[in-house]
Protein backbone atom coordinates (compact mmCIF):
# COMPACT_ATOMS: atom_id res chain seq x y z
CA MET A 1 18.66 -18.18 81.33
CA ALA A 2 16.87 -20.56 78.86
CA TYR A 3 13.29 -18.00 79.21
CA HIS A 4 15.36 -15.35 78.30
CA PHE A 5 17.26 -17.12 75.48
CA ARG A 6 13.67 -18.02 74.28
CA ALA A 7 12.07 -13.96 75.11
CA PHE A 8 15.46 -13.64 71.88
CA ALA A 9 14.19 -16.21 69.51
CA ARG A 10 10.51 -14.84 69.85
CA SER A 11 12.10 -11.45 69.02
CA GLY A 12 14.04 -12.17 66.34
CA ALA A 13 10.89 -13.75 65.14
CA LEU A 14 9.03 -11.33 65.09
CA VAL A 15 11.49 -9.26 63.56
CA PHE A 16 12.16 -11.16 60.21
CA ALA A 17 8.91 -11.82 60.19
CA MET A 18 7.78 -8.10 59.56
CA ALA A 19 10.83 -8.04 58.04
CA MET A 20 9.84 -10.53 55.48
CA GLY A 21 5.73 -9.27 55.30
CA LEU A 22 8.08 -5.03 54.63
CA GLY A 23 9.18 -6.94 51.61
CA LEU A 24 6.70 -8.94 50.30
CA ALA A 25 4.80 -5.58 50.36
CA SER A 26 7.14 -3.29 48.66
CA CYS A 27 7.11 -5.92 45.80
CA ALA A 28 3.57 -5.67 45.94
CA THR A 29 3.45 -2.02 45.35
CA VAL A 30 6.55 -1.66 42.92
CA PRO A 31 5.17 -0.38 39.84
CA THR A 32 4.90 -3.01 37.06
CA LYS A 33 7.37 -1.54 34.12
CA ASN A 34 5.87 0.80 31.64
CA TYR A 35 6.53 -0.94 28.12
CA VAL A 36 3.88 1.66 26.39
CA SER A 37 5.69 4.56 27.48
CA SER A 38 9.35 2.72 26.15
CA GLY A 39 7.38 1.61 23.36
CA ASN A 40 6.49 5.19 22.36
CA GLN A 41 10.00 6.16 22.94
CA TYR A 42 11.15 3.78 20.31
CA ALA A 43 8.50 4.82 18.35
CA LYS A 44 9.85 8.12 18.42
CA ASP A 45 13.59 7.35 17.54
CA GLY A 46 12.17 5.01 14.94
CA LEU A 47 12.69 1.75 15.81
CA LEU A 48 9.73 -0.43 15.15
CA ARG A 49 10.71 -3.45 15.84
CA GLU A 50 11.52 -2.57 19.26
CA ALA A 51 9.20 -0.42 19.53
CA ALA A 52 6.09 -3.78 18.79
CA GLU A 53 8.31 -5.90 21.58
CA ALA A 54 7.59 -3.15 23.92
CA TYR A 55 3.87 -3.07 23.49
CA LYS A 56 3.93 -6.62 23.11
CA LYS A 57 5.58 -7.31 26.83
CA ALA A 58 2.75 -4.55 27.48
CA LEU A 59 -0.36 -6.65 26.45
CA VAL A 60 1.64 -9.55 28.03
CA GLN A 61 1.19 -7.90 31.63
CA LYS A 62 -2.60 -6.59 30.67
CA PRO A 63 -4.05 -8.19 27.98
CA THR A 64 -7.24 -5.81 28.06
CA ASN A 65 -4.44 -2.90 27.69
CA MET A 66 -6.62 -0.63 24.48
CA THR A 67 -3.21 2.11 24.20
CA ALA A 68 -0.61 -0.75 23.84
CA HIS A 69 -3.42 -2.55 21.16
CA ARG A 70 -3.74 0.56 19.16
CA ASN A 71 -0.01 1.67 19.57
CA LEU A 72 1.61 -2.05 18.75
CA GLY A 73 -1.57 -1.66 15.29
CA MET A 74 0.17 1.51 14.07
CA VAL A 75 3.66 0.47 14.17
CA LEU A 76 2.73 -2.60 12.80
CA VAL A 77 1.03 -1.17 9.32
CA LYS A 78 4.74 0.89 9.31
CA MET A 79 6.51 -2.78 9.81
CA GLY A 80 4.00 -4.07 6.60
CA ASP A 81 1.89 -6.47 8.55
CA TYR A 82 -1.41 -5.55 7.90
CA LYS A 83 -2.76 -8.57 8.96
CA ALA A 84 -1.84 -7.94 12.39
CA ALA A 85 -2.36 -4.72 12.89
CA THR A 86 -6.23 -5.04 11.97
CA ARG A 87 -6.53 -6.99 14.72
CA HIS A 88 -4.80 -5.35 17.29
CA LEU A 89 -6.61 -1.65 15.95
CA GLU A 90 -9.75 -3.21 15.80
CA LYS A 91 -9.44 -3.84 19.58
CA ALA A 92 -8.48 -0.81 20.40
CA MET A 93 -11.79 0.90 18.45
CA GLY A 94 -13.91 0.46 21.55
CA VAL A 95 -11.70 2.77 23.24
CA PHE A 96 -10.43 4.88 20.40
CA GLU A 97 -12.76 5.32 17.74
CA LYS A 98 -12.86 9.35 18.19
CA ASP A 99 -8.99 9.21 17.47
CA PHE A 100 -7.72 10.04 13.88
CA ASP A 101 -4.17 8.21 14.28
CA ALA A 102 -6.70 4.95 15.10
CA ASN A 103 -8.70 5.14 12.34
CA TYR A 104 -6.42 6.53 9.75
CA TYR A 105 -3.95 3.72 9.98
CA LEU A 106 -6.49 0.96 10.21
CA GLY A 107 -7.33 2.89 7.29
CA GLU A 108 -4.14 2.04 5.77
CA ALA A 109 -4.35 -1.55 6.35
CA TYR A 110 -6.77 -2.56 5.30
CA ARG A 111 -6.55 -0.52 1.85
CA ALA A 112 -3.13 -2.38 1.81
CA GLN A 113 -5.73 -5.21 1.82
CA ASP A 114 -7.65 -4.37 -0.89
CA LYS A 115 -10.12 -3.99 1.39
CA TYR A 116 -11.76 -1.16 -0.30
CA ALA A 117 -14.93 -0.54 2.12
CA GLU A 118 -13.39 -0.84 4.94
CA SER A 119 -10.23 1.84 3.73
CA ILE A 120 -12.84 4.19 3.18
CA PHE A 121 -15.11 4.12 6.30
CA ARG A 122 -12.20 4.57 8.37
CA TYR A 123 -10.73 7.38 6.53
CA LYS A 124 -14.16 8.89 6.72
CA LYS A 125 -14.24 8.22 10.33
CA ALA A 126 -10.80 9.66 10.40
CA LEU A 127 -12.32 13.03 8.39
CA LYS A 128 -15.29 13.69 10.65
CA ILE A 129 -12.48 13.99 13.85
CA HIS A 130 -10.04 16.09 11.64
CA ASP A 131 -11.85 17.87 9.02
CA ALA A 132 -10.35 17.68 5.19
CA ASP A 133 -6.73 16.21 7.00
CA PRO A 134 -4.69 15.40 3.74
CA ARG A 135 -2.97 12.68 5.35
CA ALA A 136 -7.00 10.97 5.04
CA LEU A 137 -7.74 12.75 2.06
CA LYS A 138 -5.22 10.96 -0.33
CA PRO A 139 -6.18 7.40 0.34
CA LEU A 140 -9.75 8.47 0.67
CA ALA A 141 -8.88 9.31 -3.35
CA TRP A 142 -7.10 6.80 -3.91
CA SER A 143 -9.72 4.22 -2.87
CA PHE A 144 -12.15 5.10 -5.06
CA PHE A 145 -10.05 5.09 -7.37
CA LYS A 146 -8.89 1.72 -7.27
CA ILE A 147 -13.08 0.38 -6.89
CA ARG A 148 -13.66 3.06 -10.07
CA TYR A 149 -15.80 5.14 -8.23
CA TYR A 150 -14.34 8.66 -10.17
CA SER A 151 -16.49 10.96 -9.69
CA GLU A 152 -16.60 10.36 -5.74
CA ALA A 153 -12.00 10.23 -6.27
CA LEU A 154 -12.25 13.38 -8.66
CA SER A 155 -14.17 15.51 -5.94
CA ILE A 156 -11.82 14.51 -3.08
CA ALA A 157 -8.67 14.71 -5.51
CA ARG A 158 -10.30 18.44 -5.54
CA GLU A 159 -10.20 18.47 -2.44
CA LEU A 160 -7.25 17.78 -1.24
CA GLN A 161 -5.10 20.36 -3.89
CA LYS A 162 -7.79 23.04 -2.36
CA VAL A 163 -6.31 21.95 1.63
CA ALA A 164 -2.69 21.56 -0.04
CA PRO A 165 -1.32 22.85 -2.94
CA ASP A 166 1.96 22.29 -2.28
CA ASP A 167 1.00 18.00 -2.20
CA GLU A 168 2.35 16.27 -5.55
CA GLN A 169 0.84 13.73 -5.14
CA SER A 170 -2.63 15.52 -5.93
CA GLY A 171 -1.64 16.67 -9.54
CA ILE A 172 -1.55 12.66 -10.03
CA ILE A 173 -3.99 11.95 -8.32
CA LEU A 174 -6.03 13.99 -10.54
CA SER A 175 -4.82 13.88 -13.33
CA ARG A 176 -5.06 10.11 -13.37
CA THR A 177 -8.99 10.23 -12.43
CA LEU A 178 -10.01 12.54 -15.63
CA LEU A 179 -7.45 10.28 -17.43
CA LYS A 180 -10.24 7.19 -16.00
CA LEU A 181 -13.16 9.66 -17.15
CA LYS A 182 -11.48 10.17 -20.80
CA ARG A 183 -11.62 13.80 -20.04
CA ASN A 184 -7.64 13.80 -21.34
CA LYS A 185 -7.20 17.29 -21.75
CA GLU A 186 -8.41 18.21 -18.68
CA ALA A 187 -6.14 15.66 -17.99
CA LEU A 188 -2.90 16.68 -19.89
CA ALA A 189 -3.66 20.56 -18.77
CA THR A 190 -3.18 19.07 -14.80
CA VAL A 191 -0.37 17.01 -14.84
CA ARG A 192 1.85 19.66 -16.62
CA THR A 193 0.99 22.22 -14.78
CA ALA A 194 1.62 20.34 -11.69
CA LYS A 195 4.44 19.27 -12.99
CA LYS A 196 6.60 22.45 -13.29
CA GLN A 197 6.23 22.98 -9.46
CA ALA A 198 7.23 19.55 -9.11
CA THR A 199 10.93 18.68 -7.56
CA LYS A 200 13.17 17.64 -8.96
CA ALA A 201 12.60 14.13 -7.78
CA SER A 202 9.03 13.70 -7.66
CA ARG A 203 9.26 15.26 -12.16
CA ALA A 204 9.90 11.73 -12.94
CA PHE A 205 6.10 10.66 -11.86
CA TYR A 206 4.25 13.21 -14.18
CA ASP A 207 6.42 12.70 -16.61
CA SER A 208 4.72 9.08 -16.82
CA VAL A 209 1.41 10.15 -16.08
CA GLU A 210 1.21 12.57 -18.94
CA GLY A 211 3.20 9.25 -20.82
CA ASP A 212 -0.52 7.78 -19.84
CA VAL A 213 -2.39 10.84 -21.03
CA LEU A 214 -1.17 10.65 -24.22
CA TYR A 215 -1.01 7.19 -24.95
CA ASP A 216 -4.20 7.07 -24.30
CA MET A 217 -4.77 9.67 -26.59
CA ASN A 218 -3.31 8.80 -29.94
CA ASP A 219 0.19 10.56 -29.52
CA GLN A 220 2.42 7.34 -29.16
CA GLU A 221 5.79 9.59 -29.90
CA GLY A 222 4.97 11.76 -27.31
CA ALA A 223 3.45 9.09 -25.02
CA ALA A 224 7.44 7.28 -25.47
CA LYS A 225 9.37 9.96 -25.12
CA ALA A 226 7.49 11.20 -21.96
CA TYR A 227 8.11 7.53 -20.45
CA ARG A 228 11.97 8.04 -21.74
CA SER A 229 11.98 11.29 -19.80
CA ALA A 230 10.47 8.96 -16.67
CA LEU A 231 13.19 6.48 -16.93
CA LYS A 232 16.03 9.34 -16.99
CA ASP A 233 15.59 10.36 -13.90
CA GLN A 234 13.78 7.31 -12.23
CA PRO A 235 15.16 3.78 -14.62
CA LEU A 236 13.19 2.05 -11.94
CA LEU A 237 9.38 3.32 -11.96
CA ALA A 238 7.62 0.28 -13.42
CA GLY A 239 5.05 2.72 -14.85
CA ALA A 240 6.66 3.66 -17.11
CA LEU A 241 8.25 0.29 -17.86
CA LEU A 242 5.01 -0.40 -18.79
CA GLY A 243 3.60 2.15 -21.28
CA LEU A 244 7.39 2.00 -23.06
CA GLY A 245 6.92 -1.56 -23.42
CA ARG A 246 3.15 -0.93 -25.21
CA CYS A 247 4.34 1.81 -27.33
CA SER A 248 7.08 -0.89 -28.48
CA LEU A 249 4.51 -3.75 -28.60
CA ASP A 250 2.07 -1.74 -31.18
CA SER A 251 5.14 -0.42 -33.15
CA GLY A 252 5.42 -4.28 -33.99
CA LYS A 253 9.00 -4.38 -31.39
CA ALA A 254 7.41 -7.52 -29.41
CA LYS A 255 10.95 -8.81 -27.95
CA GLN A 256 11.69 -4.79 -27.14
CA ALA A 257 8.52 -4.32 -25.20
CA ILE A 258 9.07 -7.97 -23.85
CA THR A 259 12.57 -6.38 -22.27
CA TYR A 260 11.17 -2.94 -21.32
CA MET A 261 7.42 -4.49 -19.26
CA GLU A 262 9.57 -7.94 -18.03
CA ARG A 263 12.08 -5.69 -16.05
CA ALA A 264 8.59 -3.19 -14.63
CA VAL A 265 7.66 -7.32 -13.76
CA ARG A 266 10.36 -7.67 -11.51
CA ILE A 267 9.88 -4.44 -9.55
CA ARG A 268 6.81 -4.78 -8.84
CA PRO A 269 4.98 -7.84 -9.28
CA ARG A 270 1.66 -7.00 -8.96
CA LEU A 271 1.92 -4.74 -11.71
CA THR A 272 -1.17 -6.54 -12.99
CA GLU A 273 -1.86 -5.30 -16.90
CA ALA A 274 1.96 -5.42 -17.45
CA HIS A 275 1.71 -9.74 -17.06
CA TYR A 276 -1.21 -9.27 -19.93
CA TYR A 277 1.04 -7.29 -21.96
CA LEU A 278 3.43 -10.03 -21.45
CA GLY A 279 1.38 -12.24 -22.82
CA LYS A 280 0.56 -10.74 -25.64
CA ALA A 281 3.69 -10.74 -26.56
CA TYR A 282 5.04 -13.77 -25.86
CA GLU A 283 2.09 -14.91 -28.40
CA GLY A 284 4.39 -15.97 -31.34
CA VAL A 285 7.39 -15.37 -28.99
CA ASP A 286 7.12 -18.91 -26.66
CA ARG A 287 3.55 -20.84 -26.27
CA GLU A 288 4.91 -21.27 -22.60
CA LYS A 289 5.55 -17.84 -21.44
CA SER A 290 2.77 -16.71 -22.67
CA LEU A 291 0.49 -18.47 -21.15
CA ARG A 292 2.78 -18.46 -17.80
CA TYR A 293 1.77 -15.06 -18.20
CA TYR A 294 -2.45 -15.08 -18.60
CA GLN A 295 -2.68 -17.08 -15.94
CA VAL A 296 -0.73 -14.31 -13.74
CA PHE A 297 -2.78 -12.02 -15.14
CA ARG A 298 -6.17 -14.40 -15.10
CA ARG A 299 -5.41 -14.73 -11.07
CA GLN A 300 -4.50 -11.23 -10.02
CA ALA A 301 -7.55 -9.50 -12.34
CA SER A 302 -10.20 -11.56 -10.97
CA ALA A 303 -10.79 -9.25 -7.68
CA ASP A 304 -10.01 -6.06 -9.72
CA PRO A 305 -12.45 -4.39 -11.69
CA GLU A 306 -10.52 -2.65 -13.72
CA PHE A 307 -10.04 -5.56 -15.40
CA LEU A 308 -13.11 -7.51 -15.71
CA SER A 309 -13.15 -6.25 -19.58
CA ARG A 310 -10.26 -8.38 -20.69
CA LEU A 311 -10.58 -11.96 -17.94
CA ASN A 312 -13.07 -13.18 -20.77
CA GLU A 313 -10.51 -12.68 -23.42
CA VAL A 314 -7.64 -13.49 -21.61
CA ARG A 315 -10.06 -16.32 -20.22
CA GLN A 316 -9.67 -17.44 -23.96
CA LYS A 317 -6.71 -16.68 -24.63
CA ILE A 318 -5.53 -19.75 -22.16
CA ALA A 319 -8.04 -22.10 -23.37
CA VAL A 320 -6.51 -21.68 -26.98
CA LEU A 321 -3.00 -21.92 -25.36
CA GLN A 322 -3.53 -24.75 -23.51
CA THR A 323 -4.34 -26.83 -26.50
CA ALA A 324 -1.91 -25.17 -28.70
CA PRO A 325 1.01 -27.80 -30.33
CA VAL A 326 3.99 -27.16 -28.24
CA GLY A 327 6.90 -24.58 -29.59
CA PRO A 328 8.02 -21.64 -29.01
CA ALA A 329 5.92 -19.78 -32.28
CA ALA A 330 3.22 -22.44 -32.06
CA ALA A 331 0.53 -19.14 -31.09
CA ALA A 332 -0.17 -16.50 -33.42
CA LYS A 333 1.27 -13.72 -33.58
CA PRO A 334 0.57 -10.67 -31.45
CA ALA A 335 -2.08 -7.86 -32.62
CA VAL A 336 -0.02 -5.08 -32.30
CA THR A 337 -3.51 -2.37 -32.60
CA LYS A 338 -3.75 -0.71 -28.92
CA GLN A 339 -6.33 -1.92 -26.57
């Protein structure tokens, strides 16, 4: 009897061990959750935060998952976390060097951080993969424009117009570049032609650019009319508010200029030029505010080659304002001549 009991016990232990072994083997062969696939679906549905969390979980499972790095980087660009996006996309480049989207989004991440040399490199890499793709041509033109490589920007803008004639930004890039090259008549013809084909939603942007061209041609009346037309359709268009402020300042209407331009910097705090003109407008009104706006301009313009010529002027003004007697009208009246 004892023998049979021991035999039964041994048999039961063996069955239990086999069951446990199968269970462990089963657990070992169950695939880990495909967080990348989940993230992709979230991204397609526009749920960017959820997509980012899924990709991060995939990286917890496997830190060397380059697809997760790539996709997380692209989502982070869309979410505005450009520094983190750059880290993940750079990690993925070893595997995705010939991937258009990886290069394009890395270019976008760099451009958002004002790293234009890096962004230009990535857009060019993307265009080697997809030749003449408007998605990369557009930011490439703007990147060249931003670093004052206007000939390159013009060439890319013309190429963009050829491959994407219906793209409404192409006319804006082209006309703004022509304006920087002082080819004002061409710029005006370009913006007016493009405006005829523009949708109602984008017409205000063309009106604002037209105002800038007319202002540079010393047609302040025409410029003010164009800016007002832009603001009629887009009351929060910072560029048009700045333009109208400049026209007002040139006419000696400092208080009116301040109203327009302070609204502009509330909408776009990094509208560098507006801080410069606000500093001028406040010179004869409020010394402390004039000083503050000039200081903001100096800080923002220090890394922007477009404003280098004004930096010395502003530094001198800051030095004078810092030593001037306290009082709202202590400084000299602002100049009304156009800069």
